[in-house]
Amino acid sequence: MAGAPEGNQNSSKSNRLWAETIRRAVVQSDPERLRSIAEKLLDMAASGDIQAMKELGDRLDGKPKQQTEVTGADGGPLQITEVAWNVVKP
């Protein structure tokens, strides 16, 4: 099933309740709390915590794109032999 033409409105930046709630809490709170959390994450990564290392990597470099491999019925590479376009005029 294809997504809506206008995209997923639940994931728009203006509709991210969790992120917005955290942003408000950080702004209203002492900024040193956020710094303390960041320091804790760095300490955890430095001590060998794999999840902390992954989180840092995702935050600094961005999450890697997910790759999907598609194979044919015989387990080999999928081959497309013909593409047909159906154009519907309004």
PDB file of N, CA and C in Angstrom:
ATOM      1  N   MET A   1       0.851  -1.176   0.000  1.00  0.00           N
ATOM      2  CA  MET A   1       0.000   0.000   0.000  1.00  0.00           C
ATOM      3  C   MET A   1       0.891   1.232   0.000  1.00  0.00           C
ATOM      4  N   ALA A   2       0.618   2.152  -0.861  1.00  0.00           N
ATOM      5  CA  ALA A   2       1.418   3.365  -0.955  1.00  0.00           C
ATOM      6  C   ALA A   2       0.970   4.367   0.101  1.00  0.00           C
ATOM      7  N   GLY A   3       1.882   5.247   0.459  1.00  0.00           N
ATOM      8  CA  GLY A   3       1.571   6.291   1.434  1.00  0.00           C
ATOM      9  C   GLY A   3       0.697   7.357   0.815  1.00  0.00           C
ATOM     10  N   ALA A   4       0.180   8.208   1.644  1.00  0.00           N
ATOM     11  CA  ALA A   4      -0.653   9.300   1.165  1.00  0.00           C
ATOM     12  C   ALA A   4       0.187  10.255   0.320  1.00  0.00           C
ATOM     13  N   PRO A   5      -0.393  10.862  -0.727  1.00  0.00           N
ATOM     14  CA  PRO A   5       0.377  11.751  -1.596  1.00  0.00           C
ATOM     15  C   PRO A   5       1.033  12.907  -0.847  1.00  0.00           C
ATOM     16  N   GLU A   6       0.405  13.366   0.191  1.00  0.00           N
ATOM     17  CA  GLU A   6       0.966  14.496   0.940  1.00  0.00           C
ATOM     18  C   GLU A   6       1.963  14.047   1.993  1.00  0.00           C
ATOM     19  N   GLY A   7       2.229  12.760   2.082  1.00  0.00           N
ATOM     20  CA  GLY A   7       3.211  12.244   3.035  1.00  0.00           C
ATOM     21  C   GLY A   7       2.588  11.917   4.375  1.00  0.00           C
ATOM     22  N   ASN A   8       3.389  11.358   5.248  1.00  0.00           N
ATOM     23  CA  ASN A   8       2.935  10.980   6.578  1.00  0.00           C
ATOM     24  C   ASN A   8       2.923  12.205   7.480  1.00  0.00           C
ATOM     25  N   GLN A   9       1.754  12.724   7.754  1.00  0.00           N
ATOM     26  CA  GLN A   9       1.635  13.939   8.571  1.00  0.00           C
ATOM     27  C   GLN A   9       1.977  13.691  10.034  1.00  0.00           C
ATOM     28  N   ASN A  10       1.933  12.421  10.475  1.00  0.00           N
ATOM     29  CA  ASN A  10       2.267  12.113  11.855  1.00  0.00           C
ATOM     30  C   ASN A  10       3.755  12.231  12.121  1.00  0.00           C
ATOM     31  N   SER A  11       4.577  12.215  11.088  1.00  0.00           N
ATOM     32  CA  SER A  11       6.012  12.293  11.297  1.00  0.00           C
ATOM     33  C   SER A  11       6.577  13.663  10.949  1.00  0.00           C
ATOM     34  N   SER A  12       5.716  14.617  10.614  1.00  0.00           N
ATOM     35  CA  SER A  12       6.223  15.936  10.271  1.00  0.00           C
ATOM     36  C   SER A  12       6.919  16.560  11.483  1.00  0.00           C
ATOM     37  N   LYS A  13       7.904  17.403  11.212  1.00  0.00           N
ATOM     38  CA  LYS A  13       8.687  17.989  12.305  1.00  0.00           C
ATOM     39  C   LYS A  13       7.816  18.759  13.284  1.00  0.00           C
ATOM     40  N   SER A  14       6.737  19.331  12.800  1.00  0.00           N
ATOM     41  CA  SER A  14       5.871  20.107  13.686  1.00  0.00           C
ATOM     42  C   SER A  14       4.966  19.222  14.539  1.00  0.00           C
ATOM     43  N   ASN A  15       4.956  17.908  14.280  1.00  0.00           N
ATOM     44  CA  ASN A  15       4.055  17.008  14.989  1.00  0.00           C
ATOM     45  C   ASN A  15       4.813  15.929  15.765  1.00  0.00           C
ATOM     46  N   ARG A  16       5.999  16.242  16.221  1.00  0.00           N
ATOM     47  CA  ARG A  16       6.805  15.280  16.968  1.00  0.00           C
ATOM     48  C   ARG A  16       6.698  15.605  18.449  1.00  0.00           C
ATOM     49  N   LEU A  17       5.677  15.049  19.068  1.00  0.00           N
ATOM     50  CA  LEU A  17       5.345  15.363  20.448  1.00  0.00           C
ATOM     51  C   LEU A  17       6.488  15.061  21.411  1.00  0.00           C
ATOM     52  N   TRP A  18       7.090  13.902  21.294  1.00  0.00           N
ATOM     53  CA  TRP A  18       8.161  13.514  22.216  1.00  0.00           C
ATOM     54  C   TRP A  18       9.340  14.482  22.105  1.00  0.00           C
ATOM     55  N   ALA A  19       9.794  14.754  20.894  1.00  0.00           N
ATOM     56  CA  ALA A  19      10.928  15.659  20.693  1.00  0.00           C
ATOM     57  C   ALA A  19      10.595  17.062  21.200  1.00  0.00           C
ATOM     58  N   GLU A  20       9.391  17.521  20.921  1.00  0.00           N
ATOM     59  CA  GLU A  20       8.998  18.867  21.350  1.00  0.00           C
ATOM     60  C   GLU A  20       8.919  18.956  22.872  1.00  0.00           C
ATOM     61  N   THR A  21       8.433  17.921  23.518  1.00  0.00           N
ATOM     62  CA  THR A  21       8.347  17.897  24.978  1.00  0.00           C
ATOM     63  C   THR A  21       9.742  17.943  25.594  1.00  0.00           C
ATOM     64  N   ILE A  22      10.660  17.179  25.031  1.00  0.00           N
ATOM     65  CA  ILE A  22      12.040  17.193  25.533  1.00  0.00           C
ATOM     66  C   ILE A  22      12.669  18.566  25.307  1.00  0.00           C
ATOM     67  N   ARG A  23      12.441  19.155  24.131  1.00  0.00           N
ATOM     68  CA  ARG A  23      12.983  20.492  23.844  1.00  0.00           C
ATOM     69  C   ARG A  23      12.502  21.506  24.880  1.00  0.00           C
ATOM     70  N   ARG A  24      11.200  21.469  25.174  1.00  0.00           N
ATOM     71  CA  ARG A  24      10.654  22.397  26.167  1.00  0.00           C
ATOM     72  C   ARG A  24      11.284  22.182  27.534  1.00  0.00           C
ATOM     73  N   ALA A  25      11.431  20.923  27.913  1.00  0.00           N
ATOM     74  CA  ALA A  25      12.018  20.618  29.220  1.00  0.00           C
ATOM     75  C   ALA A  25      13.459  21.110  29.300  1.00  0.00           C
ATOM     76  N   VAL A  26      14.207  20.974  28.220  1.00  0.00           N
ATOM     77  CA  VAL A  26      15.595  21.439  28.209  1.00  0.00           C
ATOM     78  C   VAL A  26      15.656  22.963  28.308  1.00  0.00           C
ATOM     79  N   VAL A  27      14.797  23.637  27.569  1.00  0.00           N
ATOM     80  CA  VAL A  27      14.794  25.101  27.588  1.00  0.00           C
ATOM     81  C   VAL A  27      14.391  25.626  28.966  1.00  0.00           C
ATOM     82  N   GLN A  28      13.400  25.008  29.589  1.00  0.00           N
ATOM     83  CA  GLN A  28      12.908  25.463  30.881  1.00  0.00           C
ATOM     84  C   GLN A  28      13.823  25.062  32.023  1.00  0.00           C
ATOM     85  N   SER A  29      14.626  24.047  31.817  1.00  0.00           N
ATOM     86  CA  SER A  29      15.489  23.527  32.867  1.00  0.00           C
ATOM     87  C   SER A  29      16.870  24.161  32.757  1.00  0.00           C
ATOM     88  N   ASP A  30      17.705  23.837  33.713  1.00  0.00           N
ATOM     89  CA  ASP A  30      19.082  24.281  33.686  1.00  0.00           C
ATOM     90  C   ASP A  30      19.799  23.589  32.525  1.00  0.00           C
ATOM     91  N   PRO A  31      20.409  24.333  31.596  1.00  0.00           N
ATOM     92  CA  PRO A  31      21.096  23.724  30.457  1.00  0.00           C
ATOM     93  C   PRO A  31      22.208  22.757  30.885  1.00  0.00           C
ATOM     94  N   GLU A  32      22.671  22.876  32.099  1.00  0.00           N
ATOM     95  CA  GLU A  32      23.712  21.971  32.584  1.00  0.00           C
ATOM     96  C   GLU A  32      23.198  20.533  32.701  1.00  0.00           C
ATOM     97  N   ARG A  33      21.884  20.350  32.854  1.00  0.00           N
ATOM     98  CA  ARG A  33      21.334  18.986  32.911  1.00  0.00           C
ATOM     99  C   ARG A  33      21.562  18.259  31.599  1.00  0.00           C
ATOM    100  N   LEU A  34      21.319  18.960  30.484  1.00  0.00           N
ATOM    101  CA  LEU A  34      21.545  18.360  29.178  1.00  0.00           C
ATOM    102  C   LEU A  34      23.031  18.056  28.987  1.00  0.00           C
ATOM    103  N   ARG A  35      23.865  18.981  29.423  1.00  0.00           N
ATOM    104  CA  ARG A  35      25.315  18.773  29.334  1.00  0.00           C
ATOM    105  C   ARG A  35      25.716  17.538  30.154  1.00  0.00           C
ATOM    106  N   SER A  36      25.107  17.378  31.320  1.00  0.00           N
ATOM    107  CA  SER A  36      25.393  16.239  32.186  1.00  0.00           C
ATOM    108  C   SER A  36      25.004  14.920  31.512  1.00  0.00           C
ATOM    109  N   ILE A  37      23.866  14.932  30.819  1.00  0.00           N
ATOM    110  CA  ILE A  37      23.415  13.736  30.097  1.00  0.00           C
ATOM    111  C   ILE A  37      24.393  13.403  28.971  1.00  0.00           C
ATOM    112  N   ALA A  38      24.822  14.414  28.235  1.00  0.00           N
ATOM    113  CA  ALA A  38      25.777  14.208  27.150  1.00  0.00           C
ATOM    114  C   ALA A  38      27.096  13.656  27.691  1.00  0.00           C
ATOM    115  N   GLU A  39      27.543  14.185  28.814  1.00  0.00           N
ATOM    116  CA  GLU A  39      28.779  13.700  29.429  1.00  0.00           C
ATOM    117  C   GLU A  39      28.641  12.239  29.843  1.00  0.00           C
ATOM    118  N   LYS A  40      27.482  11.881  30.379  1.00  0.00           N
ATOM    119  CA  LYS A  40      27.226  10.498  30.788  1.00  0.00           C
ATOM    120  C   LYS A  40      27.282   9.563  29.575  1.00  0.00           C
ATOM    121  N   LEU A  41      26.680   9.994  28.462  1.00  0.00           N
ATOM    122  CA  LEU A  41      26.717   9.198  27.244  1.00  0.00           C
ATOM    123  C   LEU A  41      28.155   9.003  26.771  1.00  0.00           C
ATOM    124  N   LEU A  42      28.950  10.070  26.815  1.00  0.00           N
ATOM    125  CA  LEU A  42      30.359   9.969  26.427  1.00  0.00           C
ATOM    126  C   LEU A  42      31.118   9.012  27.340  1.00  0.00           C
ATOM    127  N   ASP A  43      30.864   9.110  28.645  1.00  0.00           N
ATOM    128  CA  ASP A  43      31.521   8.218  29.612  1.00  0.00           C
ATOM    129  C   ASP A  43      31.148   6.760  29.349  1.00  0.00           C
ATOM    130  N   MET A  44      29.867   6.514  29.077  1.00  0.00           N
ATOM    131  CA  MET A  44      29.415   5.148  28.820  1.00  0.00           C
ATOM    132  C   MET A  44      30.081   4.586  27.562  1.00  0.00           C
ATOM    133  N   ALA A  45      30.159   5.407  26.511  1.00  0.00           N
ATOM    134  CA  ALA A  45      30.796   4.967  25.267  1.00  0.00           C
ATOM    135  C   ALA A  45      32.280   4.695  25.505  1.00  0.00           C
ATOM    136  N   ALA A  46      32.924   5.563  26.253  1.00  0.00           N
ATOM    137  CA  ALA A  46      34.353   5.399  26.534  1.00  0.00           C
ATOM    138  C   ALA A  46      34.628   4.142  27.357  1.00  0.00           C
ATOM    139  N   SER A  47      33.652   3.723  28.160  1.00  0.00           N
ATOM    140  CA  SER A  47      33.851   2.526  28.984  1.00  0.00           C
ATOM    141  C   SER A  47      33.495   1.240  28.237  1.00  0.00           C
ATOM    142  N   GLY A  48      33.085   1.352  26.961  1.00  0.00           N
ATOM    143  CA  GLY A  48      32.838   0.170  26.150  1.00  0.00           C
ATOM    144  C   GLY A  48      31.384  -0.177  25.912  1.00  0.00           C
ATOM    145  N   ASP A  49      30.458   0.677  26.332  1.00  0.00           N
ATOM    146  CA  ASP A  49      29.030   0.415  26.118  1.00  0.00           C
ATOM    147  C   ASP A  49      28.707   0.551  24.626  1.00  0.00           C
ATOM    148  N   ILE A  50      28.403  -0.573  23.976  1.00  0.00           N
ATOM    149  CA  ILE A  50      28.161  -0.597  22.533  1.00  0.00           C
ATOM    150  C   ILE A  50      26.961   0.275  22.149  1.00  0.00           C
ATOM    151  N   GLN A  51      25.879   0.209  22.924  1.00  0.00           N
ATOM    152  CA  GLN A  51      24.686   1.018  22.609  1.00  0.00           C
ATOM    153  C   GLN A  51      25.014   2.505  22.669  1.00  0.00           C
ATOM    154  N   ALA A  52      25.817   2.917  23.655  1.00  0.00           N
ATOM    155  CA  ALA A  52      26.211   4.324  23.753  1.00  0.00           C
ATOM    156  C   ALA A  52      27.062   4.720  22.546  1.00  0.00           C
ATOM    157  N   MET A  53      27.937   3.814  22.115  1.00  0.00           N
ATOM    158  CA  MET A  53      28.765   4.091  20.935  1.00  0.00           C
ATOM    159  C   MET A  53      27.894   4.272  19.695  1.00  0.00           C
ATOM    160  N   LYS A  54      26.899   3.382  19.544  1.00  0.00           N
ATOM    161  CA  LYS A  54      25.992   3.481  18.392  1.00  0.00           C
ATOM    162  C   LYS A  54      25.200   4.782  18.436  1.00  0.00           C
ATOM    163  N   GLU A  55      24.726   5.152  19.621  1.00  0.00           N
ATOM    164  CA  GLU A  55      23.963   6.404  19.766  1.00  0.00           C
ATOM    165  C   GLU A  55      24.812   7.601  19.378  1.00  0.00           C
ATOM    166  N   LEU A  56      26.049   7.630  19.848  1.00  0.00           N
ATOM    167  CA  LEU A  56      26.947   8.728  19.475  1.00  0.00           C
ATOM    168  C   LEU A  56      27.168   8.764  17.973  1.00  0.00           C
ATOM    169  N   GLY A  57      27.421   7.593  17.384  1.00  0.00           N
ATOM    170  CA  GLY A  57      27.617   7.534  15.938  1.00  0.00           C
ATOM    171  C   GLY A  57      26.407   8.034  15.174  1.00  0.00           C
ATOM    172  N   ASP A  58      25.216   7.623  15.608  1.00  0.00           N
ATOM    173  CA  ASP A  58      23.984   8.063  14.948  1.00  0.00           C
ATOM    174  C   ASP A  58      23.796   9.572  15.076  1.00  0.00           C
ATOM    175  N   ARG A  59      24.132  10.123  16.232  1.00  0.00           N
ATOM    176  CA  ARG A  59      23.957  11.560  16.454  1.00  0.00           C
ATOM    177  C   ARG A  59      24.990  12.391  15.706  1.00  0.00           C
ATOM    178  N   LEU A  60      26.207  11.874  15.599  1.00  0.00           N
ATOM    179  CA  LEU A  60      27.277  12.634  14.953  1.00  0.00           C
ATOM    180  C   LEU A  60      27.285  12.462  13.437  1.00  0.00           C
ATOM    181  N   ASP A  61      27.084  11.235  12.971  1.00  0.00           N
ATOM    182  CA  ASP A  61      27.181  10.950  11.542  1.00  0.00           C
ATOM    183  C   ASP A  61      25.839  10.710  10.875  1.00  0.00           C
ATOM    184  N   GLY A  62      24.777  10.556  11.659  1.00  0.00           N
ATOM    185  CA  GLY A  62      23.478  10.217  11.106  1.00  0.00           C
ATOM    186  C   GLY A  62      23.345   8.709  11.000  1.00  0.00           C
ATOM    187  N   LYS A  63      22.130   8.233  11.028  1.00  0.00           N
ATOM    188  CA  LYS A  63      21.892   6.793  10.931  1.00  0.00           C
ATOM    189  C   LYS A  63      22.172   6.334   9.505  1.00  0.00           C
ATOM    190  N   PRO A  64      22.795   5.158   9.353  1.00  0.00           N
ATOM    191  CA  PRO A  64      23.041   4.655   8.003  1.00  0.00           C
ATOM    192  C   PRO A  64      21.732   4.272   7.320  1.00  0.00           C
ATOM    193  N   LYS A  65      21.718   4.387   5.998  1.00  0.00           N
ATOM    194  CA  LYS A  65      20.541   3.986   5.227  1.00  0.00           C
ATOM    195  C   LYS A  65      20.382   2.473   5.327  1.00  0.00           C
ATOM    196  N   GLN A  66      19.140   2.028   5.447  1.00  0.00           N
ATOM    197  CA  GLN A  66      18.867   0.602   5.505  1.00  0.00           C
ATOM    198  C   GLN A  66      18.907   0.047   4.087  1.00  0.00           C
ATOM    199  N   GLN A  67      19.613  -1.052   3.924  1.00  0.00           N
ATOM    200  CA  GLN A  67      19.681  -1.693   2.617  1.00  0.00           C
ATOM    201  C   GLN A  67      18.773  -2.904   2.594  1.00  0.00           C
ATOM    202  N   THR A  68      18.130  -3.110   1.452  1.00  0.00           N
ATOM    203  CA  THR A  68      17.265  -4.265   1.270  1.00  0.00           C
ATOM    204  C   THR A  68      17.748  -5.031   0.054  1.00  0.00           C
ATOM    205  N   GLU A  69      17.958  -6.308   0.220  1.00  0.00           N
ATOM    206  CA  GLU A  69      18.382  -7.146  -0.898  1.00  0.00           C
ATOM    207  C   GLU A  69      17.188  -7.959  -1.364  1.00  0.00           C
ATOM    208  N   VAL A  70      16.919  -7.907  -2.656  1.00  0.00           N
ATOM    209  CA  VAL A  70      15.783  -8.622  -3.232  1.00  0.00           C
ATOM    210  C   VAL A  70      16.332  -9.746  -4.104  1.00  0.00           C
ATOM    211  N   THR A  71      15.805 -10.936  -3.900  1.00  0.00           N
ATOM    212  CA  THR A  71      16.238 -12.069  -4.713  1.00  0.00           C
ATOM    213  C   THR A  71      15.041 -12.686  -5.407  1.00  0.00           C
ATOM    214  N   GLY A  72      15.320 -13.389  -6.486  1.00  0.00           N
ATOM    215  CA  GLY A  72      14.273 -14.068  -7.242  1.00  0.00           C
ATOM    216  C   GLY A  72      13.855 -15.358  -6.550  1.00  0.00           C
ATOM    217  N   ALA A  73      12.917 -16.054  -7.152  1.00  0.00           N
ATOM    218  CA  ALA A  73      12.391 -17.298  -6.577  1.00  0.00           C
ATOM    219  C   ALA A  73      13.476 -18.354  -6.438  1.00  0.00           C
ATOM    220  N   ASP A  74      14.480 -18.316  -7.324  1.00  0.00           N
ATOM    221  CA  ASP A  74      15.561 -19.301  -7.265  1.00  0.00           C
ATOM    222  C   ASP A  74      16.683 -18.886  -6.321  1.00  0.00           C
ATOM    223  N   GLY A  75      16.509 -17.772  -5.642  1.00  0.00           N
ATOM    224  CA  GLY A  75      17.525 -17.297  -4.711  1.00  0.00           C
ATOM    225  C   GLY A  75      18.573 -16.416  -5.366  1.00  0.00           C
ATOM    226  N   GLY A  76      18.524 -16.306  -6.668  1.00  0.00           N
ATOM    227  CA  GLY A  76      19.470 -15.460  -7.401  1.00  0.00           C
ATOM    228  C   GLY A  76      18.968 -14.029  -7.469  1.00  0.00           C
ATOM    229  N   PRO A  77      19.722 -13.161  -8.138  1.00  0.00           N
ATOM    230  CA  PRO A  77      19.300 -11.770  -8.237  1.00  0.00           C
ATOM    231  C   PRO A  77      17.997 -11.621  -9.022  1.00  0.00           C
ATOM    232  N   LEU A  78      17.180 -10.691  -8.614  1.00  0.00           N
ATOM    233  CA  LEU A  78      15.907 -10.437  -9.282  1.00  0.00           C
ATOM    234  C   LEU A  78      16.175  -9.715 -10.592  1.00  0.00           C
ATOM    235  N   GLN A  79      15.567 -10.202 -11.666  1.00  0.00           N
ATOM    236  CA  GLN A  79      15.746  -9.573 -12.964  1.00  0.00           C
ATOM    237  C   GLN A  79      14.410  -9.047 -13.460  1.00  0.00           C
ATOM    238  N   ILE A  80      14.402  -7.799 -13.871  1.00  0.00           N
ATOM    239  CA  ILE A  80      13.196  -7.187 -14.427  1.00  0.00           C
ATOM    240  C   ILE A  80      13.331  -7.241 -15.938  1.00  0.00           C
ATOM    241  N   THR A  81      12.360  -7.864 -16.571  1.00  0.00           N
ATOM    242  CA  THR A  81      12.443  -8.016 -18.022  1.00  0.00           C
ATOM    243  C   THR A  81      11.595  -6.986 -18.764  1.00  0.00           C
ATOM    244  N   GLU A  82      10.564  -6.468 -18.119  1.00  0.00           N
ATOM    245  CA  GLU A  82       9.705  -5.498 -18.793  1.00  0.00           C
ATOM    246  C   GLU A  82       9.050  -4.590 -17.760  1.00  0.00           C
ATOM    247  N   VAL A  83       9.001  -3.321 -18.099  1.00  0.00           N
ATOM    248  CA  VAL A  83       8.300  -2.367 -17.246  1.00  0.00           C
ATOM    249  C   VAL A  83       7.179  -1.754 -18.066  1.00  0.00           C
ATOM    250  N   ALA A  84       5.958  -1.848 -17.576  1.00  0.00           N
ATOM    251  CA  ALA A  84       4.816  -1.287 -18.282  1.00  0.00           C
ATOM    252  C   ALA A  84       4.290  -0.090 -17.495  1.00  0.00           C
ATOM    253  N   TRP A  85       4.051   0.990 -18.164  1.00  0.00           N
ATOM    254  CA  TRP A  85       3.541   2.197 -17.525  1.00  0.00           C
ATOM    255  C   TRP A  85       2.078   2.391 -17.934  1.00  0.00           C
ATOM    256  N   ASN A  86       1.232   2.577 -16.968  1.00  0.00           N
ATOM    257  CA  ASN A  86      -0.160   2.890 -17.245  1.00  0.00           C
ATOM    258  C   ASN A  86      -0.367   4.339 -16.821  1.00  0.00           C
ATOM    259  N   VAL A  87      -0.551   5.175 -17.798  1.00  0.00           N
ATOM    260  CA  VAL A  87      -0.731   6.604 -17.536  1.00  0.00           C
ATOM    261  C   VAL A  87      -2.223   6.897 -17.526  1.00  0.00           C
ATOM    262  N   VAL A  88      -2.686   7.429 -16.412  1.00  0.00           N
ATOM    263  CA  VAL A  88      -4.093   7.784 -16.280  1.00  0.00           C
ATOM    264  C   VAL A  88      -4.202   9.282 -16.374  1.00  0.00           C
ATOM    265  N   LYS A  89      -4.960   9.766 -17.348  1.00  0.00           N
ATOM    266  CA  LYS A  89      -5.125  11.207 -17.520  1.00  0.00           C
ATOM    267  C   LYS A  89      -6.327  11.671 -16.698  1.00  0.00           C
ATOM    268  N   PRO A  90      -6.187  12.805 -16.025  1.00  0.00           N
ATOM    269  CA  PRO A  90      -7.313  13.300 -15.204  1.00  0.00           C
ATOM    270  C   PRO A  90      -8.481  13.756 -16.032  1.00  0.00           C
TER     271      PRO A  90
END
